[in-house]
């Protein structure tokens, strides 16, 4: 989830919350993990500590925005979000694509 702010008709994220519960989610937006980085973001990776044994890119993004005061643009899109992280999600995504094919 991306907590965001607006300025000059553009949206910028303030922080990303990794897998919040629905009641703790700061917005109704979902982070679909599509990024274009500059080299400064990679320096932020050294400040990231593992969460539950894994390093999260969103932690580096939060350091980038908070510590370096960089603005990361939020692009809001419309469409179906297809989560393929487990077998039921993968099956749903395949069925959705099959139903909506244009060829």
PDB file of N, CA and C in Angstrom:
ATOM      1  N   UNK A   1       0.830  -1.178   0.000  1.00  0.00           N
ATOM      2  CA  UNK A   1       0.000   0.000   0.000  1.00  0.00           C
ATOM      3  C   UNK A   1       0.871   1.236   0.000  1.00  0.00           C
ATOM      4  N   UNK A   2       0.504   2.195  -0.774  1.00  0.00           N
ATOM      5  CA  UNK A   2       1.262   3.434  -0.847  1.00  0.00           C
ATOM      6  C   UNK A   2       0.502   4.547  -0.145  1.00  0.00           C
ATOM      7  N   UNK A   3       1.135   5.146   0.833  1.00  0.00           N
ATOM      8  CA  UNK A   3       0.605   6.334   1.494  1.00  0.00           C
ATOM      9  C   UNK A   3       1.104   7.494   0.644  1.00  0.00           C
ATOM     10  N   UNK A   4       0.228   8.358   0.195  1.00  0.00           N
ATOM     11  CA  UNK A   4       0.611   9.329  -0.823  1.00  0.00           C
ATOM     12  C   UNK A   4       0.262  10.750  -0.440  1.00  0.00           C
ATOM     13  N   UNK A   5       0.846  11.687  -1.186  1.00  0.00           N
ATOM     14  CA  UNK A   5       0.489  13.093  -1.071  1.00  0.00           C
ATOM     15  C   UNK A   5       0.442  13.657  -2.484  1.00  0.00           C
ATOM     16  N   UNK A   6      -0.264  14.753  -2.663  1.00  0.00           N
ATOM     17  CA  UNK A   6      -0.407  15.356  -3.989  1.00  0.00           C
ATOM     18  C   UNK A   6       0.210  16.741  -4.008  1.00  0.00           C
ATOM     19  N   UNK A   7       0.748  17.112  -5.169  1.00  0.00           N
ATOM     20  CA  UNK A   7       1.266  18.452  -5.374  1.00  0.00           C
ATOM     21  C   UNK A   7       1.270  18.739  -6.870  1.00  0.00           C
ATOM     22  N   UNK A   8       0.710  19.843  -7.260  1.00  0.00           N
ATOM     23  CA  UNK A   8       0.664  20.245  -8.671  1.00  0.00           C
ATOM     24  C   UNK A   8       0.064  19.155  -9.557  1.00  0.00           C
ATOM     25  N   UNK A   9      -1.039  18.556  -9.098  1.00  0.00           N
ATOM     26  CA  UNK A   9      -1.772  17.526  -9.843  1.00  0.00           C
ATOM     27  C   UNK A   9      -0.962  16.261 -10.052  1.00  0.00           C
ATOM     28  N   UNK A  10       0.130  16.086  -9.331  1.00  0.00           N
ATOM     29  CA  UNK A  10       0.895  14.842  -9.367  1.00  0.00           C
ATOM     30  C   UNK A  10       0.798  14.205  -7.999  1.00  0.00           C
ATOM     31  N   UNK A  11       0.895  12.896  -7.973  1.00  0.00           N
ATOM     32  CA  UNK A  11       0.868  12.178  -6.706  1.00  0.00           C
ATOM     33  C   UNK A  11       2.254  11.614  -6.429  1.00  0.00           C
ATOM     34  N   UNK A  12       2.673  11.708  -5.174  1.00  0.00           N
ATOM     35  CA  UNK A  12       3.956  11.169  -4.745  1.00  0.00           C
ATOM     36  C   UNK A  12       3.724  10.319  -3.510  1.00  0.00           C
ATOM     37  N   UNK A  13       4.459   9.216  -3.407  1.00  0.00           N
ATOM     38  CA  UNK A  13       4.232   8.410  -2.225  1.00  0.00           C
ATOM     39  C   UNK A  13       5.091   8.916  -1.076  1.00  0.00           C
ATOM     40  N   UNK A  14       4.558   8.804   0.133  1.00  0.00           N
ATOM     41  CA  UNK A  14       5.278   9.147   1.356  1.00  0.00           C
ATOM     42  C   UNK A  14       5.944   7.912   1.932  1.00  0.00           C
ATOM     43  N   UNK A  15       5.270   6.784   1.853  1.00  0.00           N
ATOM     44  CA  UNK A  15       5.823   5.524   2.338  1.00  0.00           C
ATOM     45  C   UNK A  15       5.008   4.382   1.759  1.00  0.00           C
ATOM     46  N   UNK A  16       5.631   3.233   1.726  1.00  0.00           N
ATOM     47  CA  UNK A  16       4.941   2.022   1.317  1.00  0.00           C
ATOM     48  C   UNK A  16       4.857   1.121   2.542  1.00  0.00           C
ATOM     49  N   UNK A  17       3.692   0.581   2.783  1.00  0.00           N
ATOM     50  CA  UNK A  17       3.483  -0.337   3.889  1.00  0.00           C
ATOM     51  C   UNK A  17       3.382  -1.740   3.299  1.00  0.00           C
ATOM     52  N   UNK A  18       4.288  -2.610   3.701  1.00  0.00           N
ATOM     53  CA  UNK A  18       4.326  -3.969   3.162  1.00  0.00           C
ATOM     54  C   UNK A  18       3.223  -4.826   3.768  1.00  0.00           C
ATOM     55  N   UNK A  19       2.319  -5.305   2.941  1.00  0.00           N
ATOM     56  CA  UNK A  19       1.252  -6.231   3.312  1.00  0.00           C
ATOM     57  C   UNK A  19       0.500  -5.836   4.584  1.00  0.00           C
ATOM     58  N   UNK A  20      -0.097  -4.650   4.582  1.00  0.00           N
ATOM     59  CA  UNK A  20      -0.858  -4.257   5.776  1.00  0.00           C
ATOM     60  C   UNK A  20      -2.175  -5.028   5.862  1.00  0.00           C
ATOM     61  N   UNK A  21      -2.704  -5.104   7.055  1.00  0.00           N
ATOM     62  CA  UNK A  21      -4.047  -5.671   7.186  1.00  0.00           C
ATOM     63  C   UNK A  21      -5.015  -4.635   6.608  1.00  0.00           C
ATOM     64  N   UNK A  22      -6.180  -5.042   6.148  1.00  0.00           N
ATOM     65  CA  UNK A  22      -7.118  -4.066   5.578  1.00  0.00           C
ATOM     66  C   UNK A  22      -7.427  -2.895   6.508  1.00  0.00           C
ATOM     67  N   UNK A  23      -7.520  -3.148   7.806  1.00  0.00           N
ATOM     68  CA  UNK A  23      -7.842  -2.047   8.735  1.00  0.00           C
ATOM     69  C   UNK A  23      -6.652  -1.102   8.941  1.00  0.00           C
ATOM     70  N   UNK A  24      -5.410  -1.567   8.686  1.00  0.00           N
ATOM     71  CA  UNK A  24      -4.224  -0.732   8.878  1.00  0.00           C
ATOM     72  C   UNK A  24      -3.718  -0.104   7.581  1.00  0.00           C
ATOM     73  N   UNK A  25      -4.345  -0.410   6.469  1.00  0.00           N
ATOM     74  CA  UNK A  25      -3.893   0.107   5.175  1.00  0.00           C
ATOM     75  C   UNK A  25      -4.096   1.619   5.116  1.00  0.00           C
ATOM     76  N   UNK A  26      -3.041   2.378   4.744  1.00  0.00           N
ATOM     77  CA  UNK A  26      -3.171   3.831   4.713  1.00  0.00           C
ATOM     78  C   UNK A  26      -4.004   4.357   3.541  1.00  0.00           C
ATOM     79  N   UNK A  27      -4.158   3.567   2.491  1.00  0.00           N
ATOM     80  CA  UNK A  27      -4.965   3.967   1.328  1.00  0.00           C
ATOM     81  C   UNK A  27      -5.619   2.725   0.742  1.00  0.00           C
ATOM     82  N   UNK A  28      -6.355   2.930  -0.338  1.00  0.00           N
ATOM     83  CA  UNK A  28      -6.912   1.794  -1.067  1.00  0.00           C
ATOM     84  C   UNK A  28      -6.053   1.460  -2.291  1.00  0.00           C
ATOM     85  N   UNK A  29      -4.852   2.009  -2.358  1.00  0.00           N
ATOM     86  CA  UNK A  29      -3.957   1.753  -3.483  1.00  0.00           C
ATOM     87  C   UNK A  29      -3.095   0.528  -3.215  1.00  0.00           C
ATOM     88  N   UNK A  30      -2.717  -0.146  -4.283  1.00  0.00           N
ATOM     89  CA  UNK A  30      -1.875  -1.324  -4.201  1.00  0.00           C
ATOM     90  C   UNK A  30      -0.570  -1.050  -4.932  1.00  0.00           C
ATOM     91  N   UNK A  31       0.543  -1.454  -4.371  1.00  0.00           N
ATOM     92  CA  UNK A  31       1.837  -1.315  -5.029  1.00  0.00           C
ATOM     93  C   UNK A  31       2.048  -2.531  -5.924  1.00  0.00           C
ATOM     94  N   UNK A  32       2.073  -2.329  -7.235  1.00  0.00           N
ATOM     95  CA  UNK A  32       2.257  -3.452  -8.146  1.00  0.00           C
ATOM     96  C   UNK A  32       3.722  -3.651  -8.509  1.00  0.00           C
ATOM     97  N   UNK A  33       4.608  -2.954  -7.815  1.00  0.00           N
ATOM     98  CA  UNK A  33       6.056  -3.179  -7.920  1.00  0.00           C
ATOM     99  C   UNK A  33       6.615  -2.959  -9.311  1.00  0.00           C
ATOM    100  N   UNK A  34       6.264  -1.863  -9.921  1.00  0.00           N
ATOM    101  CA  UNK A  34       6.845  -1.481 -11.204  1.00  0.00           C
ATOM    102  C   UNK A  34       7.605  -0.180 -10.971  1.00  0.00           C
ATOM    103  N   UNK A  35       8.928  -0.243 -11.109  1.00  0.00           N
ATOM    104  CA  UNK A  35       9.765   0.887 -10.733  1.00  0.00           C
ATOM    105  C   UNK A  35      10.753   1.243 -11.833  1.00  0.00           C
ATOM    106  N   UNK A  36      11.176   2.506 -11.842  1.00  0.00           N
ATOM    107  CA  UNK A  36      12.328   2.974 -12.589  1.00  0.00           C
ATOM    108  C   UNK A  36      13.181   3.701 -11.563  1.00  0.00           C
ATOM    109  N   UNK A  37      14.417   3.206 -11.331  1.00  0.00           N
ATOM    110  CA  UNK A  37      15.272   3.744 -10.274  1.00  0.00           C
ATOM    111  C   UNK A  37      16.420   4.562 -10.829  1.00  0.00           C
ATOM    112  N   UNK A  38      16.904   5.480 -10.009  1.00  0.00           N
ATOM    113  CA  UNK A  38      18.193   6.103 -10.293  1.00  0.00           C
ATOM    114  C   UNK A  38      19.217   5.450  -9.367  1.00  0.00           C
ATOM    115  N   UNK A  39      20.490   5.754  -9.575  1.00  0.00           N
ATOM    116  CA  UNK A  39      21.537   5.057  -8.818  1.00  0.00           C
ATOM    117  C   UNK A  39      21.513   5.374  -7.327  1.00  0.00           C
ATOM    118  N   UNK A  40      20.913   6.487  -6.924  1.00  0.00           N
ATOM    119  CA  UNK A  40      20.873   6.828  -5.507  1.00  0.00           C
ATOM    120  C   UNK A  40      20.046   5.830  -4.695  1.00  0.00           C
ATOM    121  N   UNK A  41      19.051   5.244  -5.318  1.00  0.00           N
ATOM    122  CA  UNK A  41      18.245   4.272  -4.580  1.00  0.00           C
ATOM    123  C   UNK A  41      19.096   3.092  -4.134  1.00  0.00           C
ATOM    124  N   UNK A  42      20.034   2.662  -4.964  1.00  0.00           N
ATOM    125  CA  UNK A  42      20.833   1.493  -4.628  1.00  0.00           C
ATOM    126  C   UNK A  42      21.719   1.748  -3.410  1.00  0.00           C
ATOM    127  N   UNK A  43      22.113   2.992  -3.177  1.00  0.00           N
ATOM    128  CA  UNK A  43      22.863   3.326  -1.965  1.00  0.00           C
ATOM    129  C   UNK A  43      21.991   3.143  -0.725  1.00  0.00           C
ATOM    130  N   UNK A  44      20.685   3.295  -0.873  1.00  0.00           N
ATOM    131  CA  UNK A  44      19.765   3.118   0.261  1.00  0.00           C
ATOM    132  C   UNK A  44      19.688   1.667   0.707  1.00  0.00           C
ATOM    133  N   UNK A  45      20.043   0.745  -0.168  1.00  0.00           N
ATOM    134  CA  UNK A  45      19.948  -0.671   0.175  1.00  0.00           C
ATOM    135  C   UNK A  45      20.844  -1.034   1.357  1.00  0.00           C
ATOM    136  N   UNK A  46      21.955  -0.309   1.517  1.00  0.00           N
ATOM    137  CA  UNK A  46      22.854  -0.617   2.632  1.00  0.00           C
ATOM    138  C   UNK A  46      22.245  -0.258   3.984  1.00  0.00           C
ATOM    139  N   UNK A  47      21.184   0.546   3.995  1.00  0.00           N
ATOM    140  CA  UNK A  47      20.522   0.939   5.234  1.00  0.00           C
ATOM    141  C   UNK A  47      19.337   0.048   5.587  1.00  0.00           C
ATOM    142  N   UNK A  48      19.074  -0.929   4.742  1.00  0.00           N
ATOM    143  CA  UNK A  48      17.918  -1.807   4.948  1.00  0.00           C
ATOM    144  C   UNK A  48      18.326  -2.994   5.820  1.00  0.00           C
ATOM    145  N   UNK A  49      17.524  -3.250   6.809  1.00  0.00           N
ATOM    146  CA  UNK A  49      17.724  -4.410   7.676  1.00  0.00           C
ATOM    147  C   UNK A  49      16.646  -5.442   7.346  1.00  0.00           C
ATOM    148  N   UNK A  50      16.975  -6.714   7.477  1.00  0.00           N
ATOM    149  CA  UNK A  50      15.976  -7.731   7.128  1.00  0.00           C
ATOM    150  C   UNK A  50      14.756  -7.683   8.037  1.00  0.00           C
ATOM    151  N   UNK A  51      13.611  -7.925   7.429  1.00  0.00           N
ATOM    152  CA  UNK A  51      12.343  -8.042   8.143  1.00  0.00           C
ATOM    153  C   UNK A  51      11.910  -9.494   8.048  1.00  0.00           C
ATOM    154  N   UNK A  52      11.788 -10.152   9.176  1.00  0.00           N
ATOM    155  CA  UNK A  52      11.418 -11.573   9.203  1.00  0.00           C
ATOM    156  C   UNK A  52      12.330 -12.394   8.288  1.00  0.00           C
ATOM    157  N   UNK A  53      13.625 -12.059   8.291  1.00  0.00           N
ATOM    158  CA  UNK A  53      14.605 -12.832   7.536  1.00  0.00           C
ATOM    159  C   UNK A  53      14.743 -12.497   6.068  1.00  0.00           C
ATOM    160  N   UNK A  54      14.013 -11.498   5.577  1.00  0.00           N
ATOM    161  CA  UNK A  54      14.169 -11.141   4.169  1.00  0.00           C
ATOM    162  C   UNK A  54      14.324  -9.631   4.017  1.00  0.00           C
ATOM    163  N   UNK A  55      15.069  -9.239   2.999  1.00  0.00           N
ATOM    164  CA  UNK A  55      15.254  -7.825   2.689  1.00  0.00           C
ATOM    165  C   UNK A  55      14.117  -7.375   1.781  1.00  0.00           C
ATOM    166  N   UNK A  56      13.507  -6.269   2.129  1.00  0.00           N
ATOM    167  CA  UNK A  56      12.374  -5.768   1.354  1.00  0.00           C
ATOM    168  C   UNK A  56      12.773  -4.505   0.608  1.00  0.00           C
ATOM    169  N   UNK A  57      12.529  -4.512  -0.686  1.00  0.00           N
ATOM    170  CA  UNK A  57      12.831  -3.347  -1.504  1.00  0.00           C
ATOM    171  C   UNK A  57      12.043  -2.130  -1.034  1.00  0.00           C
ATOM    172  N   UNK A  58      10.834  -2.355  -0.555  1.00  0.00           N
ATOM    173  CA  UNK A  58      10.025  -1.218  -0.096  1.00  0.00           C
ATOM    174  C   UNK A  58      10.704  -0.494   1.067  1.00  0.00           C
ATOM    175  N   UNK A  59      11.500  -1.202   1.867  1.00  0.00           N
ATOM    176  CA  UNK A  59      12.236  -0.529   2.939  1.00  0.00           C
ATOM    177  C   UNK A  59      13.250   0.448   2.357  1.00  0.00           C
ATOM    178  N   UNK A  60      13.937   0.063   1.286  1.00  0.00           N
ATOM    179  CA  UNK A  60      14.875   0.970   0.619  1.00  0.00           C
ATOM    180  C   UNK A  60      14.136   2.152  -0.007  1.00  0.00           C
ATOM    181  N   UNK A  61      12.968   1.891  -0.579  1.00  0.00           N
ATOM    182  CA  UNK A  61      12.174   2.985  -1.154  1.00  0.00           C
ATOM    183  C   UNK A  61      11.750   3.973  -0.071  1.00  0.00           C
ATOM    184  N   UNK A  62      11.388   3.470   1.091  1.00  0.00           N
ATOM    185  CA  UNK A  62      10.997   4.357   2.187  1.00  0.00           C
ATOM    186  C   UNK A  62      12.183   5.188   2.683  1.00  0.00           C
ATOM    187  N   UNK A  63      13.377   4.602   2.753  1.00  0.00           N
ATOM    188  CA  UNK A  63      14.586   5.356   3.113  1.00  0.00           C
ATOM    189  C   UNK A  63      14.844   6.429   2.061  1.00  0.00           C
ATOM    190  N   UNK A  64      14.734   6.063   0.802  1.00  0.00           N
ATOM    191  CA  UNK A  64      14.959   6.976  -0.323  1.00  0.00           C
ATOM    192  C   UNK A  64      14.050   8.204  -0.222  1.00  0.00           C
ATOM    193  N   UNK A  65      12.791   7.961   0.071  1.00  0.00           N
ATOM    194  CA  UNK A  65      11.829   9.070   0.151  1.00  0.00           C
ATOM    195  C   UNK A  65      12.007   9.884   1.431  1.00  0.00           C
ATOM    196  N   UNK A  66      12.215   9.201   2.559  1.00  0.00           N
ATOM    197  CA  UNK A  66      12.269   9.879   3.856  1.00  0.00           C
ATOM    198  C   UNK A  66      13.619  10.550   4.100  1.00  0.00           C
ATOM    199  N   UNK A  67      14.704   9.814   3.928  1.00  0.00           N
ATOM    200  CA  UNK A  67      16.030  10.334   4.276  1.00  0.00           C
ATOM    201  C   UNK A  67      16.620  11.232   3.190  1.00  0.00           C
ATOM    202  N   UNK A  68      16.453  10.844   1.942  1.00  0.00           N
ATOM    203  CA  UNK A  68      17.021  11.633   0.840  1.00  0.00           C
ATOM    204  C   UNK A  68      16.045  12.674   0.317  1.00  0.00           C
ATOM    205  N   UNK A  69      14.825  12.664   0.851  1.00  0.00           N
ATOM    206  CA  UNK A  69      13.782  13.618   0.443  1.00  0.00           C
ATOM    207  C   UNK A  69      13.519  13.563  -1.061  1.00  0.00           C
ATOM    208  N   UNK A  70      13.560  12.354  -1.616  1.00  0.00           N
ATOM    209  CA  UNK A  70      13.273  12.178  -3.041  1.00  0.00           C
ATOM    210  C   UNK A  70      11.780  11.955  -3.224  1.00  0.00           C
ATOM    211  N   UNK A  71      11.287  12.408  -4.340  1.00  0.00           N
ATOM    212  CA  UNK A  71       9.872  12.233  -4.654  1.00  0.00           C
ATOM    213  C   UNK A  71       9.730  11.065  -5.619  1.00  0.00           C
ATOM    214  N   UNK A  72       8.925  10.113  -5.232  1.00  0.00           N
ATOM    215  CA  UNK A  72       8.618   8.989  -6.095  1.00  0.00           C
ATOM    216  C   UNK A  72       7.182   9.144  -6.563  1.00  0.00           C
ATOM    217  N   UNK A  73       7.025   9.240  -7.855  1.00  0.00           N
ATOM    218  CA  UNK A  73       5.708   9.498  -8.441  1.00  0.00           C
ATOM    219  C   UNK A  73       4.826   8.264  -8.355  1.00  0.00           C
ATOM    220  N   UNK A  74       3.579   8.479  -7.977  1.00  0.00           N
ATOM    221  CA  UNK A  74       2.567   7.434  -7.959  1.00  0.00           C
ATOM    222  C   UNK A  74       1.767   7.558  -9.246  1.00  0.00           C
ATOM    223  N   UNK A  75       1.660   6.476  -9.972  1.00  0.00           N
ATOM    224  CA  UNK A  75       0.837   6.443 -11.174  1.00  0.00           C
ATOM    225  C   UNK A  75      -0.337   5.522 -10.882  1.00  0.00           C
ATOM    226  N   UNK A  76      -1.517   6.088 -10.883  1.00  0.00           N
ATOM    227  CA  UNK A  76      -2.718   5.309 -10.605  1.00  0.00           C
ATOM    228  C   UNK A  76      -3.255   4.784 -11.930  1.00  0.00           C
ATOM    229  N   UNK A  77      -3.460   3.487 -11.983  1.00  0.00           N
ATOM    230  CA  UNK A  77      -3.988   2.859 -13.189  1.00  0.00           C
ATOM    231  C   UNK A  77      -5.298   2.165 -12.865  1.00  0.00           C
ATOM    232  N   UNK A  78      -6.010   1.794 -13.902  1.00  0.00           N
ATOM    233  CA  UNK A  78      -7.257   1.066 -13.732  1.00  0.00           C
ATOM    234  C   UNK A  78      -7.089  -0.296 -14.377  1.00  0.00           C
ATOM    235  N   UNK A  79      -7.716  -1.266 -13.789  1.00  0.00           N
ATOM    236  CA  UNK A  79      -7.657  -2.603 -14.363  1.00  0.00           C
ATOM    237  C   UNK A  79      -7.756  -3.652 -13.289  1.00  0.00           C
ATOM    238  N   UNK A  80      -7.627  -4.863 -13.704  1.00  0.00           N
ATOM    239  CA  UNK A  80      -7.705  -6.013 -12.799  1.00  0.00           C
ATOM    240  C   UNK A  80      -6.313  -6.314 -12.271  1.00  0.00           C
ATOM    241  N   UNK A  81      -6.176  -6.440 -10.960  1.00  0.00           N
ATOM    242  CA  UNK A  81      -4.908  -6.847 -10.356  1.00  0.00           C
ATOM    243  C   UNK A  81      -4.913  -8.362 -10.253  1.00  0.00           C
ATOM    244  N   UNK A  82      -3.927  -8.982 -10.853  1.00  0.00           N
ATOM    245  CA  UNK A  82      -3.846 -10.432 -10.874  1.00  0.00           C
ATOM    246  C   UNK A  82      -2.655 -10.874 -10.033  1.00  0.00           C
ATOM    247  N   UNK A  83      -2.921 -11.383  -8.851  1.00  0.00           N
ATOM    248  CA  UNK A  83      -1.884 -11.832  -7.934  1.00  0.00           C
ATOM    249  C   UNK A  83      -1.611 -13.295  -8.190  1.00  0.00           C
ATOM    250  N   UNK A  84      -0.417 -13.608  -8.652  1.00  0.00           N
ATOM    251  CA  UNK A  84      -0.057 -14.993  -8.983  1.00  0.00           C
ATOM    252  C   UNK A  84       0.851 -15.604  -7.928  1.00  0.00           C
ATOM    253  N   UNK A  85       0.774 -15.122  -6.698  1.00  0.00           N
ATOM    254  CA  UNK A  85       1.661 -15.577  -5.642  1.00  0.00           C
ATOM    255  C   UNK A  85       1.335 -16.932  -5.053  1.00  0.00           C
ATOM    256  N   UNK A  86       0.212 -17.484  -5.405  1.00  0.00           N
ATOM    257  CA  UNK A  86      -0.137 -18.835  -4.944  1.00  0.00           C
ATOM    258  C   UNK A  86      -0.936 -19.518  -6.048  1.00  0.00           C
ATOM    259  N   UNK A  87      -1.196 -20.807  -5.892  1.00  0.00           N
ATOM    260  CA  UNK A  87      -1.870 -21.560  -6.940  1.00  0.00           C
ATOM    261  C   UNK A  87      -3.263 -21.030  -7.270  1.00  0.00           C
ATOM    262  N   UNK A  88      -4.128 -20.734  -6.267  1.00  0.00           N
ATOM    263  CA  UNK A  88      -5.445 -20.187  -6.630  1.00  0.00           C
ATOM    264  C   UNK A  88      -5.334 -18.845  -7.379  1.00  0.00           C
ATOM    265  N   UNK A  89      -4.401 -17.999  -6.984  1.00  0.00           N
ATOM    266  CA  UNK A  89      -4.220 -16.728  -7.684  1.00  0.00           C
ATOM    267  C   UNK A  89      -3.736 -16.923  -9.104  1.00  0.00           C
ATOM    268  N   UNK A  90      -2.811 -17.854  -9.294  1.00  0.00           N
ATOM    269  CA  UNK A  90      -2.296 -18.160 -10.615  1.00  0.00           C
ATOM    270  C   UNK A  90      -3.410 -18.709 -11.502  1.00  0.00           C
ATOM    271  N   UNK A  91      -4.238 -19.601 -10.943  1.00  0.00           N
ATOM    272  CA  UNK A  91      -5.349 -20.156 -11.706  1.00  0.00           C
ATOM    273  C   UNK A  91      -6.347 -19.059 -12.090  1.00  0.00           C
ATOM    274  N   UNK A  92      -6.666 -18.182 -11.140  1.00  0.00           N
ATOM    275  CA  UNK A  92      -7.582 -17.071 -11.426  1.00  0.00           C
ATOM    276  C   UNK A  92      -7.023 -16.187 -12.536  1.00  0.00           C
ATOM    277  N   UNK A  93      -5.724 -15.863 -12.463  1.00  0.00           N
ATOM    278  CA  UNK A  93      -5.109 -15.012 -13.485  1.00  0.00           C
ATOM    279  C   UNK A  93      -5.202 -15.656 -14.861  1.00  0.00           C
ATOM    280  N   UNK A  94      -4.933 -16.943 -14.946  1.00  0.00           N
ATOM    281  CA  UNK A  94      -5.004 -17.637 -16.227  1.00  0.00           C
ATOM    282  C   UNK A  94      -6.425 -17.680 -16.764  1.00  0.00           C
ATOM    283  N   UNK A  95      -7.383 -17.925 -15.902  1.00  0.00           N
ATOM    284  CA  UNK A  95      -8.782 -17.935 -16.332  1.00  0.00           C
ATOM    285  C   UNK A  95      -9.223 -16.547 -16.784  1.00  0.00           C
ATOM    286  N   UNK A  96      -8.800 -15.518 -16.068  1.00  0.00           N
ATOM    287  CA  UNK A  96      -9.143 -14.139 -16.422  1.00  0.00           C
ATOM    288  C   UNK A  96      -8.577 -13.794 -17.800  1.00  0.00           C
ATOM    289  N   UNK A  97      -7.304 -14.119 -18.017  1.00  0.00           N
ATOM    290  CA  UNK A  97      -6.662 -13.831 -19.311  1.00  0.00           C
ATOM    291  C   UNK A  97      -7.376 -14.595 -20.426  1.00  0.00           C
ATOM    292  N   UNK A  98      -7.693 -15.854 -20.186  1.00  0.00           N
ATOM    293  CA  UNK A  98      -8.376 -16.659 -21.214  1.00  0.00           C
ATOM    294  C   UNK A  98      -9.737 -16.065 -21.570  1.00  0.00           C
ATOM    295  N   UNK A  99     -10.466 -15.572 -20.562  1.00  0.00           N
ATOM    296  CA  UNK A  99     -11.785 -14.978 -20.817  1.00  0.00           C
ATOM    297  C   UNK A  99     -11.696 -13.649 -21.564  1.00  0.00           C
ATOM    298  N   UNK A 100     -10.600 -12.932 -21.415  1.00  0.00           N
ATOM    299  CA  UNK A 100     -10.496 -11.586 -21.973  1.00  0.00           C
ATOM    300  C   UNK A 100      -9.552 -11.490 -23.166  1.00  0.00           C
ATOM    301  N   UNK A 101      -9.194 -12.596 -23.740  1.00  0.00           N
ATOM    302  CA  UNK A 101      -8.308 -12.585 -24.916  1.00  0.00           C
ATOM    303  C   UNK A 101      -9.017 -11.891 -26.076  1.00  0.00           C
ATOM    304  N   UNK A 102      -8.255 -11.181 -26.879  1.00  0.00           N
ATOM    305  CA  UNK A 102      -8.844 -10.469 -28.016  1.00  0.00           C
ATOM    306  C   UNK A 102      -8.541 -11.147 -29.348  1.00  0.00           C
ATOM    307  N   UNK A 103      -7.729 -12.164 -29.358  1.00  0.00           N
ATOM    308  CA  UNK A 103      -7.414 -12.820 -30.633  1.00  0.00           C
ATOM    309  C   UNK A 103      -8.321 -13.972 -30.932  1.00  0.00           C
TER     310      UNK A 103
END
